[in-house]
PDB file of N, CA and C in Angstrom:
ATOM      1  N   MET A   1       4.987 126.529  23.159  1.00  0.00           N
ATOM      2  CA  MET A   1       3.810 125.942  23.057  1.00  0.00           C
ATOM      3  C   MET A   1       2.908 126.671  22.016  1.00  0.00           C
ATOM      4  N   MET A   2       2.967 127.863  21.954  1.00  0.00           N
ATOM      5  CA  MET A   2       2.105 128.623  21.018  1.00  0.00           C
ATOM      6  C   MET A   2       2.846 128.525  19.560  1.00  0.00           C
ATOM      7  N   ALA A   3       3.972 128.138  19.357  1.00  0.00           N
ATOM      8  CA  ALA A   3       4.781 128.149  18.025  1.00  0.00           C
ATOM      9  C   ALA A   3       4.122 126.845  17.427  1.00  0.00           C
ATOM     10  N   ARG A   4       4.191 125.784  18.246  1.00  0.00           N
ATOM     11  CA  ARG A   4       3.686 124.513  18.135  1.00  0.00           C
ATOM     12  C   ARG A   4       2.160 124.317  17.621  1.00  0.00           C
ATOM     13  N   THR A   5       1.439 125.248  18.386  1.00  0.00           N
ATOM     14  CA  THR A   5      -0.066 125.478  17.979  1.00  0.00           C
ATOM     15  C   THR A   5       0.010 125.889  16.651  1.00  0.00           C
ATOM     16  N   ILE A   6       0.492 126.969  16.408  1.00  0.00           N
ATOM     17  CA  ILE A   6       0.533 127.809  14.958  1.00  0.00           C
ATOM     18  C   ILE A   6       1.030 126.574  13.685  1.00  0.00           C
ATOM     19  N   THR A   7       1.954 126.327  14.134  1.00  0.00           N
ATOM     20  CA  THR A   7       2.529 125.065  12.999  1.00  0.00           C
ATOM     21  C   THR A   7       1.493 124.114  12.785  1.00  0.00           C
ATOM     22  N   THR A   8       0.879 123.361  13.970  1.00  0.00           N
ATOM     23  CA  THR A   8      -0.081 122.426  13.518  1.00  0.00           C
ATOM     24  C   THR A   8      -1.272 122.901  12.617  1.00  0.00           C
ATOM     25  N   ALA A   9      -1.533 124.126  13.122  1.00  0.00           N
ATOM     26  CA  ALA A   9      -2.718 124.765  12.503  1.00  0.00           C
ATOM     27  C   ALA A   9      -2.458 125.062  10.961  1.00  0.00           C
ATOM     28  N   ALA A  10      -1.128 125.477  10.766  1.00  0.00           N
ATOM     29  CA  ALA A  10      -0.769 125.777   9.409  1.00  0.00           C
ATOM     30  C   ALA A  10      -0.708 124.352   8.532  1.00  0.00           C
ATOM     31  N   VAL A  11      -0.200 123.460   9.193  1.00  0.00           N
ATOM     32  CA  VAL A  11      -0.109 122.044   8.503  1.00  0.00           C
ATOM     33  C   VAL A  11      -1.598 121.644   8.056  1.00  0.00           C
ATOM     34  N   LEU A  12      -2.496 121.605   9.271  1.00  0.00           N
ATOM     35  CA  LEU A  12      -3.860 121.211   8.950  1.00  0.00           C
ATOM     36  C   LEU A  12      -4.419 122.074   7.965  1.00  0.00           C
ATOM     37  N   MET A  13      -4.311 123.523   7.913  1.00  0.00           N
ATOM     38  CA  MET A  13      -4.786 124.169   6.522  1.00  0.00           C
ATOM     39  C   MET A  13      -4.261 123.909   5.426  1.00  0.00           C
ATOM     40  N   VAL A  14      -3.066 123.862   5.357  1.00  0.00           N
ATOM     41  CA  VAL A  14      -2.584 123.028   4.059  1.00  0.00           C
ATOM     42  C   VAL A  14      -2.905 121.884   3.608  1.00  0.00           C
ATOM     43  N   SER A  15      -3.093 121.056   4.684  1.00  0.00           N
ATOM     44  CA  SER A  15      -3.395 119.676   4.239  1.00  0.00           C
ATOM     45  C   SER A  15      -4.887 119.737   3.711  1.00  0.00           C
ATOM     46  N   MET A  16      -6.056 120.541   4.547  1.00  0.00           N
ATOM     47  CA  MET A  16      -7.379 120.687   3.839  1.00  0.00           C
ATOM     48  C   MET A  16      -7.524 121.342   2.584  1.00  0.00           C
ATOM     49  N   LEU A  17      -6.544 122.316   2.399  1.00  0.00           N
ATOM     50  CA  LEU A  17      -6.443 122.950   1.011  1.00  0.00           C
ATOM     51  C   LEU A  17      -6.255 121.786  -0.036  1.00  0.00           C
ATOM     52  N   SER A  18      -5.235 120.746   0.407  1.00  0.00           N
ATOM     53  CA  SER A  18      -4.695 119.945  -0.915  1.00  0.00           C
ATOM     54  C   SER A  18      -5.874 118.832  -0.785  1.00  0.00           C
ATOM     55  N   VAL A  19      -6.631 118.742   0.004  1.00  0.00           N
ATOM     56  CA  VAL A  19      -7.792 117.626   0.144  1.00  0.00           C
ATOM     57  C   VAL A  19      -8.698 118.105  -0.739  1.00  0.00           C
ATOM     58  N   SER A  20      -9.316 119.575  -0.668  1.00  0.00           N
ATOM     59  CA  SER A  20     -10.010 120.010  -1.336  1.00  0.00           C
ATOM     60  C   SER A  20      -9.819 120.312  -2.950  1.00  0.00           C
ATOM     61  N   MET A  21      -8.468 120.528  -3.340  1.00  0.00           N
ATOM     62  CA  MET A  21      -7.842 120.642  -4.522  1.00  0.00           C
ATOM     63  C   MET A  21      -8.145 119.229  -5.125  1.00  0.00           C
ATOM     64  N   ILE A  22      -7.755 118.106  -4.641  1.00  0.00           N
ATOM     65  CA  ILE A  22      -7.701 116.808  -5.065  1.00  0.00           C
ATOM     66  C   ILE A  22      -9.305 116.398  -5.241  1.00  0.00           C
ATOM     67  N   VAL A  23     -10.159 116.785  -4.296  1.00  0.00           N
ATOM     68  CA  VAL A  23     -11.477 116.181  -4.421  1.00  0.00           C
ATOM     69  C   VAL A  23     -12.417 117.066  -5.142  1.00  0.00           C
ATOM     70  N   ASN A  24     -11.714 118.216  -5.590  1.00  0.00           N
ATOM     71  CA  ASN A  24     -12.452 119.102  -6.394  1.00  0.00           C
ATOM     72  C   ASN A  24     -12.705 117.977  -7.817  1.00  0.00           C
ATOM     73  N   ALA A  25     -13.919 118.309  -8.379  1.00  0.00           N
ATOM     74  CA  ALA A  25     -14.472 117.308  -9.638  1.00  0.00           C
ATOM     75  C   ALA A  25     -13.822 117.832 -10.868  1.00  0.00           C
ATOM     76  N   ASN A  26     -13.336 119.173 -10.961  1.00  0.00           N
ATOM     77  CA  ASN A  26     -12.783 119.593 -11.979  1.00  0.00           C
ATOM     78  C   ASN A  26     -11.031 119.603 -12.046  1.00  0.00           C
ATOM     79  N   ALA A  27     -10.700 118.974 -10.905  1.00  0.00           N
ATOM     80  CA  ALA A  27      -9.101 118.700 -10.969  1.00  0.00           C
ATOM     81  C   ALA A  27      -8.717 117.212 -11.599  1.00  0.00           C
ATOM     82  N   ASP A  28      -7.504 117.268 -12.085  1.00  0.00           N
ATOM     83  CA  ASP A  28      -6.830 116.063 -12.574  1.00  0.00           C
ATOM     84  C   ASP A  28      -5.693 115.512 -11.860  1.00  0.00           C
ATOM     85  N   ILE A  29      -5.405 114.474 -11.805  1.00  0.00           N
ATOM     86  CA  ILE A  29      -4.204 113.945 -11.387  1.00  0.00           C
ATOM     87  C   ILE A  29      -3.576 113.217 -12.595  1.00  0.00           C
ATOM     88  N   CYS A  30      -2.458 113.523 -12.891  1.00  0.00           N
ATOM     89  CA  CYS A  30      -1.656 112.767 -14.196  1.00  0.00           C
ATOM     90  C   CYS A  30      -2.580 112.830 -15.429  1.00  0.00           C
ATOM     91  N   ASN A  31      -3.414 113.946 -15.672  1.00  0.00           N
ATOM     92  CA  ASN A  31      -4.142 113.916 -16.796  1.00  0.00           C
ATOM     93  C   ASN A  31      -5.449 113.095 -16.852  1.00  0.00           C
ATOM     94  N   VAL A  32      -5.876 112.581 -15.505  1.00  0.00           N
ATOM     95  CA  VAL A  32      -7.151 112.076 -15.345  1.00  0.00           C
ATOM     96  C   VAL A  32      -7.985 112.482 -14.468  1.00  0.00           C
ATOM     97  N   PRO A  33      -9.214 112.895 -14.846  1.00  0.00           N
ATOM     98  CA  PRO A  33     -10.043 113.492 -13.773  1.00  0.00           C
ATOM     99  C   PRO A  33      -9.979 112.669 -12.698  1.00  0.00           C
ATOM    100  N   VAL A  34     -10.294 113.710 -11.280  1.00  0.00           N
ATOM    101  CA  VAL A  34     -10.393 112.833 -10.234  1.00  0.00           C
ATOM    102  C   VAL A  34     -11.593 111.961 -10.006  1.00  0.00           C
ATOM    103  N   ASP A  35     -12.608 112.592 -10.519  1.00  0.00           N
ATOM    104  CA  ASP A  35     -13.954 111.999 -10.519  1.00  0.00           C
ATOM    105  C   ASP A  35     -13.731 110.379 -11.049  1.00  0.00           C
ATOM    106  N   ASP A  36     -12.950 110.497 -12.236  1.00  0.00           N
ATOM    107  CA  ASP A  36     -12.859 109.282 -12.997  1.00  0.00           C
ATOM    108  C   ASP A  36     -12.078 108.051 -11.845  1.00  0.00           C
ATOM    109  N   LEU A  37     -10.945 108.825 -11.419  1.00  0.00           N
ATOM    110  CA  LEU A  37     -10.016 107.822 -10.556  1.00  0.00           C
ATOM    111  C   LEU A  37     -10.653 107.564  -9.428  1.00  0.00           C
ATOM    112  N   MET A  38     -11.748 108.165  -8.717  1.00  0.00           N
ATOM    113  CA  MET A  38     -12.557 107.646  -7.714  1.00  0.00           C
ATOM    114  C   MET A  38     -13.415 106.504  -7.923  1.00  0.00           C
ATOM    115  N   LYS A  39     -13.258 106.231  -9.209  1.00  0.00           N
ATOM    116  CA  LYS A  39     -14.018 104.584  -9.377  1.00  0.00           C
ATOM    117  C   LYS A  39     -13.257 103.533  -9.249  1.00  0.00           C
ATOM    118  N   CYS A  40     -11.915 103.914  -9.315  1.00  0.00           N
ATOM    119  CA  CYS A  40     -11.014 102.762  -8.969  1.00  0.00           C
ATOM    120  C   CYS A  40     -10.463 102.889  -7.066  1.00  0.00           C
ATOM    121  N   LEU A  41     -10.965 103.689  -6.559  1.00  0.00           N
ATOM    122  CA  LEU A  41     -10.634 103.936  -5.146  1.00  0.00           C
ATOM    123  C   LEU A  41     -10.612 102.425  -4.405  1.00  0.00           C
ATOM    124  N   PRO A  42     -11.681 101.854  -4.487  1.00  0.00           N
ATOM    125  CA  PRO A  42     -11.906 100.507  -3.670  1.00  0.00           C
ATOM    126  C   PRO A  42     -10.772  99.356  -4.003  1.00  0.00           C
ATOM    127  N   ALA A  43     -10.051  99.696  -5.517  1.00  0.00           N
ATOM    128  CA  ALA A  43      -9.161  98.530  -5.616  1.00  0.00           C
ATOM    129  C   ALA A  43      -7.924  98.926  -5.306  1.00  0.00           C
ATOM    130  N   VAL A  44      -7.612 100.239  -4.820  1.00  0.00           N
ATOM    131  CA  VAL A  44      -6.139 100.501  -4.345  1.00  0.00           C
ATOM    132  C   VAL A  44      -6.137 100.871  -2.903  1.00  0.00           C
ATOM    133  N   ARG A  45      -7.106 100.253  -2.198  1.00  0.00           N
ATOM    134  CA  ARG A  45      -7.129 100.509  -0.745  1.00  0.00           C
ATOM    135  C   ARG A  45      -7.087  98.906  -0.119  1.00  0.00           C
ATOM    136  N   HIS A  46      -6.612  98.870   1.117  1.00  0.00           N
ATOM    137  CA  HIS A  46      -6.503  97.635   1.655  1.00  0.00           C
ATOM    138  C   HIS A  46      -7.740  97.485   2.539  1.00  0.00           C
ATOM    139  N   PRO A  47      -8.532  96.015   2.424  1.00  0.00           N
ATOM    140  CA  PRO A  47      -8.089  95.045   1.257  1.00  0.00           C
ATOM    141  C   PRO A  47      -8.537  95.539   0.136  1.00  0.00           C
ATOM    142  N   PRO A  48      -7.856  95.414  -1.106  1.00  0.00           N
ATOM    143  CA  PRO A  48      -8.431  95.853  -2.261  1.00  0.00           C
ATOM    144  C   PRO A  48      -9.439  94.799  -2.771  1.00  0.00           C
ATOM    145  N   GLU A  49     -10.500  95.532  -3.559  1.00  0.00           N
ATOM    146  CA  GLU A  49     -11.565  94.933  -4.075  1.00  0.00           C
ATOM    147  C   GLU A  49     -11.190  94.570  -5.560  1.00  0.00           C
ATOM    148  N   PRO A  50     -11.579  93.805  -6.405  1.00  0.00           N
ATOM    149  CA  PRO A  50     -11.296  93.764  -7.765  1.00  0.00           C
ATOM    150  C   PRO A  50     -11.829  95.031  -8.424  1.00  0.00           C
ATOM    151  N   PRO A  51     -11.268  95.346  -9.498  1.00  0.00           N
ATOM    152  CA  PRO A  51     -11.400  96.745  -9.980  1.00  0.00           C
ATOM    153  C   PRO A  51     -12.740  96.305 -10.858  1.00  0.00           C
ATOM    154  N   THR A  52     -13.826  97.394 -10.769  1.00  0.00           N
ATOM    155  CA  THR A  52     -15.007  97.354 -11.597  1.00  0.00           C
ATOM    156  C   THR A  52     -15.007  97.531 -13.167  1.00  0.00           C
ATOM    157  N   PRO A  53     -15.828  97.145 -13.908  1.00  0.00           N
ATOM    158  CA  PRO A  53     -15.648  97.722 -15.177  1.00  0.00           C
ATOM    159  C   PRO A  53     -15.460  99.073 -15.538  1.00  0.00           C
ATOM    160  N   GLY A  54     -15.827 100.119 -14.673  1.00  0.00           N
ATOM    161  CA  GLY A  54     -15.844 101.486 -14.767  1.00  0.00           C
ATOM    162  C   GLY A  54     -14.398 101.761 -14.589  1.00  0.00           C
ATOM    163  N   CYS A  55     -13.908 101.121 -13.380  1.00  0.00           N
ATOM    164  CA  CYS A  55     -12.440 101.527 -13.208  1.00  0.00           C
ATOM    165  C   CYS A  55     -11.690 101.020 -14.050  1.00  0.00           C
ATOM    166  N   CYS A  56     -11.942 100.056 -14.809  1.00  0.00           N
ATOM    167  CA  CYS A  56     -11.174  99.459 -15.939  1.00  0.00           C
ATOM    168  C   CYS A  56     -10.957 100.294 -17.139  1.00  0.00           C
ATOM    169  N   ALA A  57     -12.144 101.038 -17.360  1.00  0.00           N
ATOM    170  CA  ALA A  57     -12.509 101.801 -18.453  1.00  0.00           C
ATOM    171  C   ALA A  57     -11.480 102.976 -18.304  1.00  0.00           C
ATOM    172  N   VAL A  58     -11.432 103.702 -17.141  1.00  0.00           N
ATOM    173  CA  VAL A  58     -10.712 104.418 -16.637  1.00  0.00           C
ATOM    174  C   VAL A  58      -9.317 104.308 -16.806  1.00  0.00           C
ATOM    175  N   ILE A  59      -8.843 103.245 -16.162  1.00  0.00           N
ATOM    176  CA  ILE A  59      -7.386 102.751 -16.388  1.00  0.00           C
ATOM    177  C   ILE A  59      -7.046 102.646 -17.798  1.00  0.00           C
ATOM    178  N   GLY A  60      -7.693 102.006 -18.560  1.00  0.00           N
ATOM    179  CA  GLY A  60      -7.588 101.743 -20.217  1.00  0.00           C
ATOM    180  C   GLY A  60      -7.407 102.925 -20.933  1.00  0.00           C
ATOM    181  N   ALA A  61      -7.911 103.930 -20.370  1.00  0.00           N
ATOM    182  CA  ALA A  61      -7.740 105.198 -21.032  1.00  0.00           C
ATOM    183  C   ALA A  61      -6.628 106.007 -20.803  1.00  0.00           C
ATOM    184  N   ILE A  62      -5.894 105.894 -19.543  1.00  0.00           N
ATOM    185  CA  ILE A  62      -4.551 106.210 -19.233  1.00  0.00           C
ATOM    186  C   ILE A  62      -3.505 105.966 -20.374  1.00  0.00           C
ATOM    187  N   LYS A  63      -2.826 107.140 -20.811  1.00  0.00           N
ATOM    188  CA  LYS A  63      -1.623 106.803 -21.768  1.00  0.00           C
ATOM    189  C   LYS A  63      -0.536 106.309 -20.887  1.00  0.00           C
ATOM    190  N   PRO A  64       0.132 105.345 -21.557  1.00  0.00           N
ATOM    191  CA  PRO A  64       1.288 104.538 -20.798  1.00  0.00           C
ATOM    192  C   PRO A  64       2.241 105.703 -20.321  1.00  0.00           C
ATOM    193  N   GLU A  65       2.425 106.696 -21.072  1.00  0.00           N
ATOM    194  CA  GLU A  65       3.478 107.809 -20.767  1.00  0.00           C
ATOM    195  C   GLU A  65       2.898 108.590 -19.509  1.00  0.00           C
ATOM    196  N   ASP A  66       1.834 108.442 -19.324  1.00  0.00           N
ATOM    197  CA  ASP A  66       1.297 109.155 -17.761  1.00  0.00           C
ATOM    198  C   ASP A  66       1.543 108.483 -16.801  1.00  0.00           C
ATOM    199  N   TYR A  67       1.910 107.033 -16.572  1.00  0.00           N
ATOM    200  CA  TYR A  67       1.754 106.143 -15.414  1.00  0.00           C
ATOM    201  C   TYR A  67       2.967 106.649 -14.547  1.00  0.00           C
ATOM    202  N   PRO A  68       4.343 107.023 -15.104  1.00  0.00           N
ATOM    203  CA  PRO A  68       5.433 107.501 -14.229  1.00  0.00           C
ATOM    204  C   PRO A  68       4.998 108.711 -13.249  1.00  0.00           C
ATOM    205  N   CYS A  69       3.925 109.328 -13.649  1.00  0.00           N
ATOM    206  CA  CYS A  69       3.503 110.499 -12.962  1.00  0.00           C
ATOM    207  C   CYS A  69       2.902 109.994 -11.819  1.00  0.00           C
ATOM    208  N   PHE A  70       2.133 109.047 -11.652  1.00  0.00           N
ATOM    209  CA  PHE A  70       1.514 108.490 -10.275  1.00  0.00           C
ATOM    210  C   PHE A  70       2.674 108.169  -9.321  1.00  0.00           C
ATOM    211  N   CYS A  71       3.696 108.069  -9.716  1.00  0.00           N
ATOM    212  CA  CYS A  71       4.793 107.709  -8.892  1.00  0.00           C
ATOM    213  C   CYS A  71       5.284 109.089  -7.883  1.00  0.00           C
ATOM    214  N   GLN A  72       5.046 110.320  -8.453  1.00  0.00           N
ATOM    215  CA  GLN A  72       5.172 111.572  -7.600  1.00  0.00           C
ATOM    216  C   GLN A  72       4.455 111.457  -6.400  1.00  0.00           C
ATOM    217  N   TYR A  73       3.108 110.800  -6.341  1.00  0.00           N
ATOM    218  CA  TYR A  73       2.182 110.603  -5.244  1.00  0.00           C
ATOM    219  C   TYR A  73       2.694 109.622  -4.310  1.00  0.00           C
ATOM    220  N   LYS A  74       3.639 108.875  -4.627  1.00  0.00           N
ATOM    221  CA  LYS A  74       4.064 107.796  -3.649  1.00  0.00           C
ATOM    222  C   LYS A  74       4.019 108.096  -2.209  1.00  0.00           C
ATOM    223  N   ASP A  75       4.546 109.309  -1.930  1.00  0.00           N
ATOM    224  CA  ASP A  75       4.595 109.467  -0.446  1.00  0.00           C
ATOM    225  C   ASP A  75       3.916 110.628  -0.111  1.00  0.00           C
ATOM    226  N   ASN A  76       2.603 111.096  -1.080  1.00  0.00           N
ATOM    227  CA  ASN A  76       1.965 112.084  -0.620  1.00  0.00           C
ATOM    228  C   ASN A  76       0.924 111.739   0.531  1.00  0.00           C
ATOM    229  N   PRO A  77       0.786 112.546   1.537  1.00  0.00           N
ATOM    230  CA  PRO A  77      -0.038 112.331   2.601  1.00  0.00           C
ATOM    231  C   PRO A  77      -1.668 112.397   2.367  1.00  0.00           C
ATOM    232  N   ILE A  78      -1.821 112.765   1.292  1.00  0.00           N
ATOM    233  CA  ILE A  78      -3.140 113.089   1.008  1.00  0.00           C
ATOM    234  C   ILE A  78      -3.845 111.709   0.490  1.00  0.00           C
ATOM    235  N   LEU A  79      -2.761 111.150  -0.262  1.00  0.00           N
ATOM    236  CA  LEU A  79      -3.505 109.646  -0.764  1.00  0.00           C
ATOM    237  C   LEU A  79      -3.579 108.817   0.605  1.00  0.00           C
ATOM    238  N   LYS A  80      -2.762 109.076   1.411  1.00  0.00           N
ATOM    239  CA  LYS A  80      -2.536 108.192   2.911  1.00  0.00           C
ATOM    240  C   LYS A  80      -4.271 108.283   3.414  1.00  0.00           C
ATOM    241  N   VAL A  81      -4.599 109.730   3.277  1.00  0.00           N
ATOM    242  CA  VAL A  81      -5.877 110.229   4.048  1.00  0.00           C
ATOM    243  C   VAL A  81      -6.932 109.150   3.443  1.00  0.00           C
ATOM    244  N   PHE A  82      -6.855 109.275   1.990  1.00  0.00           N
ATOM    245  CA  PHE A  82      -7.845 108.155   1.446  1.00  0.00           C
ATOM    246  C   PHE A  82      -7.711 106.718   1.445  1.00  0.00           C
ATOM    247  N   GLY A  83      -6.462 106.507   2.229  1.00  0.00           N
ATOM    248  CA  GLY A  83      -6.076 104.971   2.486  1.00  0.00           C
ATOM    249  C   GLY A  83      -5.377 104.406   0.837  1.00  0.00           C
ATOM    250  N   VAL A  84      -5.061 105.048   0.073  1.00  0.00           N
ATOM    251  CA  VAL A  84      -4.644 104.607  -1.279  1.00  0.00           C
ATOM    252  C   VAL A  84      -3.159 104.058  -1.126  1.00  0.00           C
ATOM    253  N   ASP A  85      -2.877 102.874  -1.596  1.00  0.00           N
ATOM    254  CA  ASP A  85      -1.541 102.167  -1.612  1.00  0.00           C
ATOM    255  C   ASP A  85      -1.151 102.448  -3.058  1.00  0.00           C
ATOM    256  N   ILE A  86      -0.078 103.126  -3.201  1.00  0.00           N
ATOM    257  CA  ILE A  86       0.458 103.356  -4.594  1.00  0.00           C
ATOM    258  C   ILE A  86       0.818 101.875  -5.213  1.00  0.00           C
ATOM    259  N   ASP A  87       1.386 101.034  -4.390  1.00  0.00           N
ATOM    260  CA  ASP A  87       1.623  99.819  -5.081  1.00  0.00           C
ATOM    261  C   ASP A  87       0.394  99.251  -5.525  1.00  0.00           C
ATOM    262  N   LEU A  88      -0.785  99.074  -4.890  1.00  0.00           N
ATOM    263  CA  LEU A  88      -1.965  98.607  -5.550  1.00  0.00           C
ATOM    264  C   LEU A  88      -2.466  99.320  -6.867  1.00  0.00           C
ATOM    265  N   VAL A  89      -2.103 100.760  -7.075  1.00  0.00           N
ATOM    266  CA  VAL A  89      -2.229 101.666  -8.221  1.00  0.00           C
ATOM    267  C   VAL A  89      -1.654 100.591  -9.475  1.00  0.00           C
ATOM    268  N   PHE A  90      -0.537 100.349  -9.303  1.00  0.00           N
ATOM    269  CA  PHE A  90       0.170  99.456 -10.478  1.00  0.00           C
ATOM    270  C   PHE A  90      -0.326  98.165 -10.489  1.00  0.00           C
ATOM    271  N   LYS A  91      -1.108  97.665  -9.802  1.00  0.00           N
ATOM    272  CA  LYS A  91      -1.554  96.331  -9.802  1.00  0.00           C
ATOM    273  C   LYS A  91      -3.047  96.327 -10.765  1.00  0.00           C
ATOM    274  N   VAL A  92      -3.789  97.415 -10.563  1.00  0.00           N
ATOM    275  CA  VAL A  92      -4.942  97.480 -11.284  1.00  0.00           C
ATOM    276  C   VAL A  92      -4.903  97.296 -12.732  1.00  0.00           C
ATOM    277  N   PRO A  93      -3.806  97.739 -13.468  1.00  0.00           N
ATOM    278  CA  PRO A  93      -4.134  97.639 -14.917  1.00  0.00           C
ATOM    279  C   PRO A  93      -4.028  96.098 -15.058  1.00  0.00           C
ATOM    280  N   VAL A  94      -3.080  95.377 -14.592  1.00  0.00           N
ATOM    281  CA  VAL A  94      -2.771  93.905 -14.750  1.00  0.00           C
ATOM    282  C   VAL A  94      -3.945  93.387 -14.516  1.00  0.00           C
ATOM    283  N   LYS A  95      -4.929  93.813 -13.193  1.00  0.00           N
ATOM    284  CA  LYS A  95      -6.146  93.248 -12.951  1.00  0.00           C
ATOM    285  C   LYS A  95      -7.186  93.302 -14.185  1.00  0.00           C
ATOM    286  N   CYS A  96      -6.796  94.383 -14.662  1.00  0.00           N
ATOM    287  CA  CYS A  96      -8.036  94.539 -15.760  1.00  0.00           C
ATOM    288  C   CYS A  96      -7.483  94.156 -17.099  1.00  0.00           C
ATOM    289  N   GLY A  97      -6.745  93.440 -17.088  1.00  0.00           N
ATOM    290  CA  GLY A  97      -6.089  92.345 -18.377  1.00  0.00           C
ATOM    291  C   GLY A  97      -5.509  93.524 -19.344  1.00  0.00           C
ATOM    292  N   LEU A  98      -4.718  94.893 -18.910  1.00  0.00           N
ATOM    293  CA  LEU A  98      -4.046  95.791 -19.887  1.00  0.00           C
ATOM    294  C   LEU A  98      -2.529  95.167 -19.698  1.00  0.00           C
ATOM    295  N   LYS A  99      -2.024  95.591 -20.848  1.00  0.00           N
ATOM    296  CA  LYS A  99      -0.577  94.969 -21.347  1.00  0.00           C
ATOM    297  C   LYS A  99       0.143  96.157 -21.591  1.00  0.00           C
ATOM    298  N   GLY A 100       1.479  96.011 -21.168  1.00  0.00           N
ATOM    299  CA  GLY A 100       2.318  97.231 -21.619  1.00  0.00           C
ATOM    300  C   GLY A 100       2.340  98.447 -20.680  1.00  0.00           C
ATOM    301  N   VAL A 101       1.953  98.287 -19.493  1.00  0.00           N
ATOM    302  CA  VAL A 101       1.633  99.267 -18.407  1.00  0.00           C
ATOM    303  C   VAL A 101       2.758  99.052 -17.340  1.00  0.00           C
ATOM    304  N   PRO A 102       3.661 100.166 -16.870  1.00  0.00           N
ATOM    305  CA  PRO A 102       4.290  99.962 -16.019  1.00  0.00           C
ATOM    306  C   PRO A 102       3.844  99.164 -14.566  1.00  0.00           C
ATOM    307  N   SER A 103       4.499  98.176 -14.027  1.00  0.00           N
ATOM    308  CA  SER A 103       4.074  97.489 -12.757  1.00  0.00           C
ATOM    309  C   SER A 103       4.413  98.215 -11.439  1.00  0.00           C
ATOM    310  N   HIS A 104       5.331  98.972 -11.622  1.00  0.00           N
ATOM    311  CA  HIS A 104       5.787  99.715 -10.096  1.00  0.00           C
ATOM    312  C   HIS A 104       6.596 100.999 -10.595  1.00  0.00           C
ATOM    313  N   CYS A 105       6.825 101.875  -9.615  1.00  0.00           N
ATOM    314  CA  CYS A 105       7.498 103.101  -9.541  1.00  0.00           C
ATOM    315  C   CYS A 105       9.112 103.069  -9.863  1.00  0.00           C
TER     316      CYS A 105
END
């Protein structure tokens, strides 16, 4: 029972540290500032909202070669905490009218 409590506490600490790193305004995910990506949060959660002009501006600034980087987050539990669906991430560029962007991992 004690080992289970210690393991649970360790997992919780690592999760909290990961969340704080992601939420940190100076952090980047795939060369995009987290603050900018947060503008797209409503468009990548269920039920998805249409991307805002601010979100589309962020997505339009992402280099096509950086999109595969987002696939490494597909099973990231931190994104699940925020309710992010990685499949919706790849639908936002199309909804923003961007072409030449990967549509899935």
